[in-house]
Amino acid sequence: GKTAEEIAECLKKTPLDPRIAAAIKSAYELGCDLRIVSDANQF
């Protein structure tokens, strides 16, 4: 009975280093083309 919305809520707690988030935003603001290639999944 678990919904996709509940899975999404669980994913919000996944750890992401704020320095990596800052690096991504800086690289984007500098005009780099950023891509992800991953064996995780789209959702």
ModelCIF file with pLDDT and N, C-alpha, C, O atoms, coordinates in Angstrom:
data_MODEL
#
_entry.id   MODEL 
#
_entity.id                         1 
_entity.type                       polymer 
_entity.pdbx_number_of_molecules   1 
#
_entity_poly.entity_id                      1 
_entity_poly.type                           'polypeptide(L)' 
_entity_poly.nstd_linkage                   no 
_entity_poly.nstd_monomer                   no 
_entity_poly.pdbx_seq_one_letter_code       GKTAEEIAECLKKTPLDPRIAAAIKSAYELGCDLRIVSDANQF 
_entity_poly.pdbx_seq_one_letter_code_can   GKTAEEIAECLKKTPLDPRIAAAIKSAYELGCDLRIVSDANQF 
_entity_poly.pdbx_strand_id                 A 
#
loop_
_entity_poly_seq.entity_id 
_entity_poly_seq.num 
_entity_poly_seq.mon_id 
_entity_poly_seq.hetero 
1 1  GLY n 
1 2  LYS n 
1 3  THR n 
1 4  ALA n 
1 5  GLU n 
1 6  GLU n 
1 7  ILE n 
1 8  ALA n 
1 9  GLU n 
1 10 CYS n 
1 11 LEU n 
1 12 LYS n 
1 13 LYS n 
1 14 THR n 
1 15 PRO n 
1 16 LEU n 
1 17 ASP n 
1 18 PRO n 
1 19 ARG n 
1 20 ILE n 
1 21 ALA n 
1 22 ALA n 
1 23 ALA n 
1 24 ILE n 
1 25 LYS n 
1 26 SER n 
1 27 ALA n 
1 28 TYR n 
1 29 GLU n 
1 30 LEU n 
1 31 GLY n 
1 32 CYS n 
1 33 ASP n 
1 34 LEU n 
1 35 ARG n 
1 36 ILE n 
1 37 VAL n 
1 38 SER n 
1 39 ASP n 
1 40 ALA n 
1 41 ASN n 
1 42 GLN n 
1 43 PHE n 
#
_struct_asym.id          A 
_struct_asym.entity_id   1 
#
loop_
_ma_qa_metric.id 
_ma_qa_metric.mode 
_ma_qa_metric.name 
_ma_qa_metric.software_group_id 
_ma_qa_metric.type 
1 global pLDDT . pLDDT 
2 local  pLDDT . pLDDT 
#
_ma_qa_metric_global.metric_id      1 
_ma_qa_metric_global.metric_value   97.21 
_ma_qa_metric_global.model_id       1 
_ma_qa_metric_global.ordinal_id     1 
#
loop_
_ma_qa_metric_local.label_asym_id 
_ma_qa_metric_local.label_comp_id 
_ma_qa_metric_local.label_seq_id 
_ma_qa_metric_local.metric_id 
_ma_qa_metric_local.metric_value 
_ma_qa_metric_local.model_id 
_ma_qa_metric_local.ordinal_id 
A GLY 1  2 97.00 1 1  
A LYS 2  2 97.00 1 2  
A THR 3  2 97.00 1 3  
A ALA 4  2 97.00 1 4  
A GLU 5  2 97.00 1 5  
A GLU 6  2 98.00 1 6  
A ILE 7  2 98.00 1 7  
A ALA 8  2 98.00 1 8  
A GLU 9  2 97.00 1 9  
A CYS 10 2 98.00 1 10 
A LEU 11 2 98.00 1 11 
A LYS 12 2 96.00 1 12 
A LYS 13 2 95.00 1 13 
A THR 14 2 96.00 1 14 
A PRO 15 2 94.00 1 15 
A LEU 16 2 97.00 1 16 
A ASP 17 2 98.00 1 17 
A PRO 18 2 98.00 1 18 
A ARG 19 2 98.00 1 19 
A ILE 20 2 98.00 1 20 
A ALA 21 2 98.00 1 21 
A ALA 22 2 98.00 1 22 
A ALA 23 2 98.00 1 23 
A ILE 24 2 98.00 1 24 
A LYS 25 2 98.00 1 25 
A SER 26 2 98.00 1 26 
A ALA 27 2 98.00 1 27 
A TYR 28 2 98.00 1 28 
A GLU 29 2 97.00 1 29 
A LEU 30 2 96.00 1 30 
A GLY 31 2 95.00 1 31 
A CYS 32 2 96.00 1 32 
A ASP 33 2 96.00 1 33 
A LEU 34 2 98.00 1 34 
A ARG 35 2 97.00 1 35 
A ILE 36 2 98.00 1 36 
A VAL 37 2 98.00 1 37 
A SER 38 2 97.00 1 38 
A ASP 39 2 96.00 1 39 
A ALA 40 2 97.00 1 40 
A ASN 41 2 97.00 1 41 
A GLN 42 2 98.00 1 42 
A PHE 43 2 98.00 1 43 
#
loop_
_atom_site.group_PDB 
_atom_site.id 
_atom_site.type_symbol 
_atom_site.label_atom_id 
_atom_site.label_alt_id 
_atom_site.label_comp_id 
_atom_site.label_asym_id 
_atom_site.label_entity_id 
_atom_site.label_seq_id 
_atom_site.pdbx_PDB_ins_code 
_atom_site.Cartn_x 
_atom_site.Cartn_y 
_atom_site.Cartn_z 
_atom_site.occupancy 
_atom_site.B_iso_or_equiv 
_atom_site.pdbx_formal_charge 
_atom_site.auth_seq_id 
_atom_site.auth_comp_id 
_atom_site.auth_asym_id 
_atom_site.auth_atom_id 
_atom_site.pdbx_PDB_model_num 
ATOM 1   N N  . GLY A 1 1  ? 0.784  -1.228 0.000   1.00 97.00 ? 1  GLY A N  1 
ATOM 2   C CA . GLY A 1 1  ? 0.000  0.000  0.000   1.00 97.00 ? 1  GLY A CA 1 
ATOM 3   C C  . GLY A 1 1  ? 0.810  1.269  0.000   1.00 97.00 ? 1  GLY A C  1 
ATOM 4   O O  . GLY A 1 1  ? 0.257  2.354  0.180   1.00 97.00 ? 1  GLY A O  1 
ATOM 5   N N  . LYS A 1 2  ? 2.136  1.159  -0.201  1.00 97.00 ? 2  LYS A N  1 
ATOM 6   C CA . LYS A 1 2  ? 2.998  2.348  -0.239  1.00 97.00 ? 2  LYS A CA 1 
ATOM 7   C C  . LYS A 1 2  ? 2.878  3.017  -1.612  1.00 97.00 ? 2  LYS A C  1 
ATOM 8   O O  . LYS A 1 2  ? 2.872  2.335  -2.637  1.00 97.00 ? 2  LYS A O  1 
ATOM 9   N N  . THR A 1 3  ? 2.785  4.314  -1.630  1.00 97.00 ? 3  THR A N  1 
ATOM 10  C CA . THR A 1 3  ? 2.593  5.066  -2.864  1.00 97.00 ? 3  THR A CA 1 
ATOM 11  C C  . THR A 1 3  ? 3.909  5.639  -3.377  1.00 97.00 ? 3  THR A C  1 
ATOM 12  O O  . THR A 1 3  ? 4.912  5.673  -2.663  1.00 97.00 ? 3  THR A O  1 
ATOM 13  N N  . ALA A 1 4  ? 3.881  6.091  -4.637  1.00 97.00 ? 4  ALA A N  1 
ATOM 14  C CA . ALA A 1 4  ? 5.047  6.755  -5.212  1.00 97.00 ? 4  ALA A CA 1 
ATOM 15  C C  . ALA A 1 4  ? 5.375  8.019  -4.435  1.00 97.00 ? 4  ALA A C  1 
ATOM 16  O O  . ALA A 1 4  ? 6.542  8.387  -4.303  1.00 97.00 ? 4  ALA A O  1 
ATOM 17  N N  . GLU A 1 5  ? 4.347  8.682  -3.921  1.00 97.00 ? 5  GLU A N  1 
ATOM 18  C CA . GLU A 1 5  ? 4.564  9.894  -3.117  1.00 97.00 ? 5  GLU A CA 1 
ATOM 19  C C  . GLU A 1 5  ? 5.316  9.573  -1.837  1.00 97.00 ? 5  GLU A C  1 
ATOM 20  O O  . GLU A 1 5  ? 6.162  10.355 -1.404  1.00 97.00 ? 5  GLU A O  1 
ATOM 21  N N  . GLU A 1 6  ? 5.021  8.438  -1.229  1.00 98.00 ? 6  GLU A N  1 
ATOM 22  C CA . GLU A 1 6  ? 5.738  8.042  -0.016  1.00 98.00 ? 6  GLU A CA 1 
ATOM 23  C C  . GLU A 1 6  ? 7.193  7.697  -0.314  1.00 98.00 ? 6  GLU A C  1 
ATOM 24  O O  . GLU A 1 6  ? 8.083  7.983  0.487   1.00 98.00 ? 6  GLU A O  1 
ATOM 25  N N  . ILE A 1 7  ? 7.427  7.085  -1.464  1.00 98.00 ? 7  ILE A N  1 
ATOM 26  C CA . ILE A 1 7  ? 8.805  6.809  -1.872  1.00 98.00 ? 7  ILE A CA 1 
ATOM 27  C C  . ILE A 1 7  ? 9.555  8.118  -2.083  1.00 98.00 ? 7  ILE A C  1 
ATOM 28  O O  . ILE A 1 7  ? 10.714 8.250  -1.688  1.00 98.00 ? 7  ILE A O  1 
ATOM 29  N N  . ALA A 1 8  ? 8.890  9.079  -2.706  1.00 98.00 ? 8  ALA A N  1 
ATOM 30  C CA . ALA A 1 8  ? 9.509  10.391 -2.931  1.00 98.00 ? 8  ALA A CA 1 
ATOM 31  C C  . ALA A 1 8  ? 9.857  11.066 -1.606  1.00 98.00 ? 8  ALA A C  1 
ATOM 32  O O  . ALA A 1 8  ? 10.915 11.685 -1.486  1.00 98.00 ? 8  ALA A O  1 
ATOM 33  N N  . GLU A 1 9  ? 8.981  10.953 -0.620  1.00 97.00 ? 9  GLU A N  1 
ATOM 34  C CA . GLU A 1 9  ? 9.255  11.539 0.694   1.00 97.00 ? 9  GLU A CA 1 
ATOM 35  C C  . GLU A 1 9  ? 10.466 10.884 1.338   1.00 97.00 ? 9  GLU A C  1 
ATOM 36  O O  . GLU A 1 9  ? 11.280 11.557 1.971   1.00 97.00 ? 9  GLU A O  1 
ATOM 37  N N  . CYS A 1 10 ? 10.586 9.570  1.175   1.00 98.00 ? 10 CYS A N  1 
ATOM 38  C CA . CYS A 1 10 ? 11.755 8.850  1.707   1.00 98.00 ? 10 CYS A CA 1 
ATOM 39  C C  . CYS A 1 10 ? 13.034 9.353  1.049   1.00 98.00 ? 10 CYS A C  1 
ATOM 40  O O  . CYS A 1 10 ? 14.059 9.509  1.713   1.00 98.00 ? 10 CYS A O  1 
ATOM 41  N N  . LEU A 1 11 ? 12.976 9.602  -0.240  1.00 98.00 ? 11 LEU A N  1 
ATOM 42  C CA . LEU A 1 11 ? 14.165 10.033 -0.985  1.00 98.00 ? 11 LEU A CA 1 
ATOM 43  C C  . LEU A 1 11 ? 14.647 11.418 -0.567  1.00 98.00 ? 11 LEU A C  1 
ATOM 44  O O  . LEU A 1 11 ? 15.827 11.736 -0.716  1.00 98.00 ? 11 LEU A O  1 
ATOM 45  N N  . LYS A 1 12 ? 13.745 12.238 -0.047  1.00 96.00 ? 12 LYS A N  1 
ATOM 46  C CA . LYS A 1 12 ? 14.131 13.583 0.375   1.00 96.00 ? 12 LYS A CA 1 
ATOM 47  C C  . LYS A 1 12 ? 15.142 13.566 1.521   1.00 96.00 ? 12 LYS A C  1 
ATOM 48  O O  . LYS A 1 12 ? 15.846 14.550 1.751   1.00 96.00 ? 12 LYS A O  1 
ATOM 49  N N  . LYS A 1 13 ? 15.209 12.452 2.230   1.00 95.00 ? 13 LYS A N  1 
ATOM 50  C CA . LYS A 1 13 ? 16.118 12.338 3.372   1.00 95.00 ? 13 LYS A CA 1 
ATOM 51  C C  . LYS A 1 13 ? 17.490 11.799 2.972   1.00 95.00 ? 13 LYS A C  1 
ATOM 52  O O  . LYS A 1 13 ? 18.382 11.682 3.812   1.00 95.00 ? 13 LYS A O  1 
ATOM 53  N N  . THR A 1 14 ? 17.659 11.473 1.693   1.00 96.00 ? 14 THR A N  1 
ATOM 54  C CA . THR A 1 14 ? 18.944 10.948 1.234   1.00 96.00 ? 14 THR A CA 1 
ATOM 55  C C  . THR A 1 14 ? 20.040 11.987 1.441   1.00 96.00 ? 14 THR A C  1 
ATOM 56  O O  . THR A 1 14 ? 19.852 13.144 1.066   1.00 96.00 ? 14 THR A O  1 
ATOM 57  N N  . PRO A 1 15 ? 21.183 11.614 2.030   1.00 94.00 ? 15 PRO A N  1 
ATOM 58  C CA . PRO A 1 15 ? 22.230 12.606 2.321   1.00 94.00 ? 15 PRO A CA 1 
ATOM 59  C C  . PRO A 1 15 ? 22.896 13.157 1.065   1.00 94.00 ? 15 PRO A C  1 
ATOM 60  O O  . PRO A 1 15 ? 23.304 12.405 0.180   1.00 94.00 ? 15 PRO A O  1 
ATOM 61  N N  . LEU A 1 16 ? 23.000 14.477 1.006   1.00 97.00 ? 16 LEU A N  1 
ATOM 62  C CA . LEU A 1 16 ? 23.703 15.159 -0.082  1.00 97.00 ? 16 LEU A CA 1 
ATOM 63  C C  . LEU A 1 16 ? 24.542 16.264 0.542   1.00 97.00 ? 16 LEU A C  1 
ATOM 64  O O  . LEU A 1 16 ? 24.012 17.178 1.175   1.00 97.00 ? 16 LEU A O  1 
ATOM 65  N N  . ASP A 1 17 ? 25.845 16.173 0.360   1.00 98.00 ? 17 ASP A N  1 
ATOM 66  C CA . ASP A 1 17 ? 26.774 17.133 0.954   1.00 98.00 ? 17 ASP A CA 1 
ATOM 67  C C  . ASP A 1 17 ? 26.488 18.538 0.415   1.00 98.00 ? 17 ASP A C  1 
ATOM 68  O O  . ASP A 1 17 ? 26.450 18.723 -0.801  1.00 98.00 ? 17 ASP A O  1 
ATOM 69  N N  . PRO A 1 18 ? 26.285 19.530 1.285   1.00 98.00 ? 18 PRO A N  1 
ATOM 70  C CA . PRO A 1 18 ? 26.004 20.891 0.808   1.00 98.00 ? 18 PRO A CA 1 
ATOM 71  C C  . PRO A 1 18 ? 27.133 21.481 -0.034  1.00 98.00 ? 18 PRO A C  1 
ATOM 72  O O  . PRO A 1 18 ? 26.883 22.364 -0.855  1.00 98.00 ? 18 PRO A O  1 
ATOM 73  N N  . ARG A 1 19 ? 28.368 21.014 0.150   1.00 98.00 ? 19 ARG A N  1 
ATOM 74  C CA . ARG A 1 19 ? 29.464 21.515 -0.684  1.00 98.00 ? 19 ARG A CA 1 
ATOM 75  C C  . ARG A 1 19 ? 29.355 20.993 -2.114  1.00 98.00 ? 19 ARG A C  1 
ATOM 76  O O  . ARG A 1 19 ? 29.750 21.674 -3.060  1.00 98.00 ? 19 ARG A O  1 
ATOM 77  N N  . ILE A 1 20 ? 28.819 19.781 -2.268  1.00 98.00 ? 20 ILE A N  1 
ATOM 78  C CA . ILE A 1 20 ? 28.600 19.252 -3.615  1.00 98.00 ? 20 ILE A CA 1 
ATOM 79  C C  . ILE A 1 20 ? 27.453 19.999 -4.286  1.00 98.00 ? 20 ILE A C  1 
ATOM 80  O O  . ILE A 1 20 ? 27.516 20.319 -5.472  1.00 98.00 ? 20 ILE A O  1 
ATOM 81  N N  . ALA A 1 21 ? 26.411 20.270 -3.517  1.00 98.00 ? 21 ALA A N  1 
ATOM 82  C CA . ALA A 1 21 ? 25.303 21.069 -4.056  1.00 98.00 ? 21 ALA A CA 1 
ATOM 83  C C  . ALA A 1 21 ? 25.813 22.442 -4.501  1.00 98.00 ? 21 ALA A C  1 
ATOM 84  O O  . ALA A 1 21 ? 25.423 22.941 -5.556  1.00 98.00 ? 21 ALA A O  1 
ATOM 85  N N  . ALA A 1 22 ? 26.675 23.042 -3.702  1.00 98.00 ? 22 ALA A N  1 
ATOM 86  C CA . ALA A 1 22 ? 27.241 24.350 -4.045  1.00 98.00 ? 22 ALA A CA 1 
ATOM 87  C C  . ALA A 1 22 ? 28.108 24.263 -5.294  1.00 98.00 ? 22 ALA A C  1 
ATOM 88  O O  . ALA A 1 22 ? 28.083 25.164 -6.132  1.00 98.00 ? 22 ALA A O  1 
ATOM 89  N N  . ALA A 1 23 ? 28.877 23.178 -5.422  1.00 98.00 ? 23 ALA A N  1 
ATOM 90  C CA . ALA A 1 23 ? 29.730 23.003 -6.606  1.00 98.00 ? 23 ALA A CA 1 
ATOM 91  C C  . ALA A 1 23 ? 28.886 22.888 -7.868  1.00 98.00 ? 23 ALA A C  1 
ATOM 92  O O  . ALA A 1 23 ? 29.224 23.461 -8.904  1.00 98.00 ? 23 ALA A O  1 
ATOM 93  N N  . ILE A 1 24 ? 27.784 22.144 -7.777  1.00 98.00 ? 24 ILE A N  1 
ATOM 94  C CA . ILE A 1 24 ? 26.894 21.985 -8.932  1.00 98.00 ? 24 ILE A CA 1 
ATOM 95  C C  . ILE A 1 24 ? 26.317 23.332 -9.345  1.00 98.00 ? 24 ILE A C  1 
ATOM 96  O O  . ILE A 1 24 ? 26.316 23.675 -10.527 1.00 98.00 ? 24 ILE A O  1 
ATOM 97  N N  . LYS A 1 25 ? 25.825 24.095 -8.371  1.00 98.00 ? 25 LYS A N  1 
ATOM 98  C CA . LYS A 1 25 ? 25.237 25.397 -8.683  1.00 98.00 ? 25 LYS A CA 1 
ATOM 99  C C  . LYS A 1 25 ? 26.281 26.354 -9.254  1.00 98.00 ? 25 LYS A C  1 
ATOM 100 O O  . LYS A 1 25 ? 25.985 27.124 -10.168 1.00 98.00 ? 25 LYS A O  1 
ATOM 101 N N  . SER A 1 26 ? 27.493 26.308 -8.721  1.00 98.00 ? 26 SER A N  1 
ATOM 102 C CA . SER A 1 26 ? 28.552 27.185 -9.237  1.00 98.00 ? 26 SER A CA 1 
ATOM 103 C C  . SER A 1 26 ? 28.926 26.819 -10.668 1.00 98.00 ? 26 SER A C  1 
ATOM 104 O O  . SER A 1 26 ? 29.070 27.697 -11.519 1.00 98.00 ? 26 SER A O  1 
ATOM 105 N N  . ALA A 1 27 ? 29.085 25.523 -10.934 1.00 98.00 ? 27 ALA A N  1 
ATOM 106 C CA . ALA A 1 27 ? 29.434 25.081 -12.285 1.00 98.00 ? 27 ALA A CA 1 
ATOM 107 C C  . ALA A 1 27 ? 28.340 25.458 -13.277 1.00 98.00 ? 27 ALA A C  1 
ATOM 108 O O  . ALA A 1 27 ? 28.630 25.860 -14.404 1.00 98.00 ? 27 ALA A O  1 
ATOM 109 N N  . TYR A 1 28 ? 27.091 25.330 -12.860 1.00 98.00 ? 28 TYR A N  1 
ATOM 110 C CA . TYR A 1 28 ? 25.973 25.711 -13.725 1.00 98.00 ? 28 TYR A CA 1 
ATOM 111 C C  . TYR A 1 28 ? 25.982 27.212 -13.993 1.00 98.00 ? 28 TYR A C  1 
ATOM 112 O O  . TYR A 1 28 ? 25.796 27.646 -15.130 1.00 98.00 ? 28 TYR A O  1 
ATOM 113 N N  . GLU A 1 29 ? 26.197 28.001 -12.947 1.00 97.00 ? 29 GLU A N  1 
ATOM 114 C CA . GLU A 1 29 ? 26.211 29.458 -13.106 1.00 97.00 ? 29 GLU A CA 1 
ATOM 115 C C  . GLU A 1 29 ? 27.379 29.921 -13.965 1.00 97.00 ? 29 GLU A C  1 
ATOM 116 O O  . GLU A 1 29 ? 27.303 30.965 -14.613 1.00 97.00 ? 29 GLU A O  1 
ATOM 117 N N  . LEU A 1 30 ? 28.450 29.151 -13.970 1.00 96.00 ? 30 LEU A N  1 
ATOM 118 C CA . LEU A 1 30 ? 29.604 29.481 -14.820 1.00 96.00 ? 30 LEU A CA 1 
ATOM 119 C C  . LEU A 1 30 ? 29.379 29.098 -16.281 1.00 96.00 ? 30 LEU A C  1 
ATOM 120 O O  . LEU A 1 30 ? 30.205 29.410 -17.137 1.00 96.00 ? 30 LEU A O  1 
ATOM 121 N N  . GLY A 1 31 ? 28.274 28.428 -16.568 1.00 95.00 ? 31 GLY A N  1 
ATOM 122 C CA . GLY A 1 31 ? 27.929 28.096 -17.947 1.00 95.00 ? 31 GLY A CA 1 
ATOM 123 C C  . GLY A 1 31 ? 28.324 26.718 -18.409 1.00 95.00 ? 31 GLY A C  1 
ATOM 124 O O  . GLY A 1 31 ? 28.254 26.432 -19.604 1.00 95.00 ? 31 GLY A O  1 
ATOM 125 N N  . CYS A 1 32 ? 28.738 25.850 -17.500 1.00 96.00 ? 32 CYS A N  1 
ATOM 126 C CA . CYS A 1 32 ? 29.076 24.478 -17.887 1.00 96.00 ? 32 CYS A CA 1 
ATOM 127 C C  . CYS A 1 32 ? 27.815 23.701 -18.253 1.00 96.00 ? 32 CYS A C  1 
ATOM 128 O O  . CYS A 1 32 ? 26.728 23.977 -17.748 1.00 96.00 ? 32 CYS A O  1 
ATOM 129 N N  . ASP A 1 33 ? 27.981 22.738 -19.128 1.00 96.00 ? 33 ASP A N  1 
ATOM 130 C CA . ASP A 1 33 ? 26.909 21.811 -19.486 1.00 96.00 ? 33 ASP A CA 1 
ATOM 131 C C  . ASP A 1 33 ? 27.009 20.623 -18.535 1.00 96.00 ? 33 ASP A C  1 
ATOM 132 O O  . ASP A 1 33 ? 27.955 19.840 -18.626 1.00 96.00 ? 33 ASP A O  1 
ATOM 133 N N  . LEU A 1 34 ? 26.053 20.479 -17.628 1.00 98.00 ? 34 LEU A N  1 
ATOM 134 C CA . LEU A 1 34 ? 26.098 19.431 -16.616 1.00 98.00 ? 34 LEU A CA 1 
ATOM 135 C C  . LEU A 1 34 ? 25.192 18.267 -17.014 1.00 98.00 ? 34 LEU A C  1 
ATOM 136 O O  . LEU A 1 34 ? 24.041 18.467 -17.402 1.00 98.00 ? 34 LEU A O  1 
ATOM 137 N N  . ARG A 1 35 ? 25.725 17.057 -16.914 1.00 97.00 ? 35 ARG A N  1 
ATOM 138 C CA . ARG A 1 35 ? 24.972 15.836 -17.234 1.00 97.00 ? 35 ARG A CA 1 
ATOM 139 C C  . ARG A 1 35 ? 25.109 14.858 -16.070 1.00 97.00 ? 35 ARG A C  1 
ATOM 140 O O  . ARG A 1 35 ? 26.027 14.965 -15.257 1.00 97.00 ? 35 ARG A O  1 
ATOM 141 N N  . ILE A 1 36 ? 24.184 13.909 -16.004 1.00 98.00 ? 36 ILE A N  1 
ATOM 142 C CA . ILE A 1 36 ? 24.281 12.790 -15.069 1.00 98.00 ? 36 ILE A CA 1 
ATOM 143 C C  . ILE A 1 36 ? 24.216 11.500 -15.869 1.00 98.00 ? 36 ILE A C  1 
ATOM 144 O O  . ILE A 1 36 ? 23.357 11.344 -16.737 1.00 98.00 ? 36 ILE A O  1 
ATOM 145 N N  . VAL A 1 37 ? 25.125 10.571 -15.576 1.00 98.00 ? 37 VAL A N  1 
ATOM 146 C CA . VAL A 1 37 ? 25.090 9.228  -16.143 1.00 98.00 ? 37 VAL A CA 1 
ATOM 147 C C  . VAL A 1 37 ? 25.109 8.264  -14.963 1.00 98.00 ? 37 VAL A C  1 
ATOM 148 O O  . VAL A 1 37 ? 26.116 8.158  -14.262 1.00 98.00 ? 37 VAL A O  1 
ATOM 149 N N  . SER A 1 38 ? 23.997 7.560  -14.739 1.00 97.00 ? 38 SER A N  1 
ATOM 150 C CA . SER A 1 38 ? 23.858 6.813  -13.495 1.00 97.00 ? 38 SER A CA 1 
ATOM 151 C C  . SER A 1 38 ? 23.094 5.509  -13.687 1.00 97.00 ? 38 SER A C  1 
ATOM 152 O O  . SER A 1 38 ? 22.180 5.417  -14.507 1.00 97.00 ? 38 SER A O  1 
ATOM 153 N N  . ASP A 1 39 ? 23.490 4.505  -12.911 1.00 96.00 ? 39 ASP A N  1 
ATOM 154 C CA . ASP A 1 39 ? 22.772 3.226  -12.889 1.00 96.00 ? 39 ASP A CA 1 
ATOM 155 C C  . ASP A 1 39 ? 21.726 3.207  -11.772 1.00 96.00 ? 39 ASP A C  1 
ATOM 156 O O  . ASP A 1 39 ? 21.281 2.136  -11.359 1.00 96.00 ? 39 ASP A O  1 
ATOM 157 N N  . ALA A 1 40 ? 21.334 4.376  -11.287 1.00 97.00 ? 40 ALA A N  1 
ATOM 158 C CA . ALA A 1 40 ? 20.201 4.463  -10.366 1.00 97.00 ? 40 ALA A CA 1 
ATOM 159 C C  . ALA A 1 40 ? 18.934 4.443  -11.219 1.00 97.00 ? 40 ALA A C  1 
ATOM 160 O O  . ALA A 1 40 ? 18.794 3.562  -12.067 1.00 97.00 ? 40 ALA A O  1 
ATOM 161 N N  . ASN A 1 41 ? 18.023 5.365  -11.030 1.00 97.00 ? 41 ASN A N  1 
ATOM 162 C CA . ASN A 1 41 ? 16.851 5.422  -11.908 1.00 97.00 ? 41 ASN A CA 1 
ATOM 163 C C  . ASN A 1 41 ? 16.282 6.842  -11.925 1.00 97.00 ? 41 ASN A C  1 
ATOM 164 O O  . ASN A 1 41 ? 16.568 7.659  -11.049 1.00 97.00 ? 41 ASN A O  1 
ATOM 165 N N  . GLN A 1 42 ? 15.480 7.103  -12.937 1.00 98.00 ? 42 GLN A N  1 
ATOM 166 C CA . GLN A 1 42 ? 14.964 8.439  -13.194 1.00 98.00 ? 42 GLN A CA 1 
ATOM 167 C C  . GLN A 1 42 ? 14.173 9.010  -12.019 1.00 98.00 ? 42 GLN A C  1 
ATOM 168 O O  . GLN A 1 42 ? 14.369 10.164 -11.640 1.00 98.00 ? 42 GLN A O  1 
ATOM 169 N N  . PHE A 1 43 ? 13.286 8.210  -11.446 1.00 98.00 ? 43 PHE A N  1 
ATOM 170 C CA . PHE A 1 43 ? 12.430 8.698  -10.363 1.00 98.00 ? 43 PHE A CA 1 
ATOM 171 C C  . PHE A 1 43 ? 13.263 9.087  -9.151  1.00 98.00 ? 43 PHE A C  1 
ATOM 172 O O  . PHE A 1 43 ? 12.714 9.521  -8.138  1.00 98.00 ? 43 PHE A O  1 
#
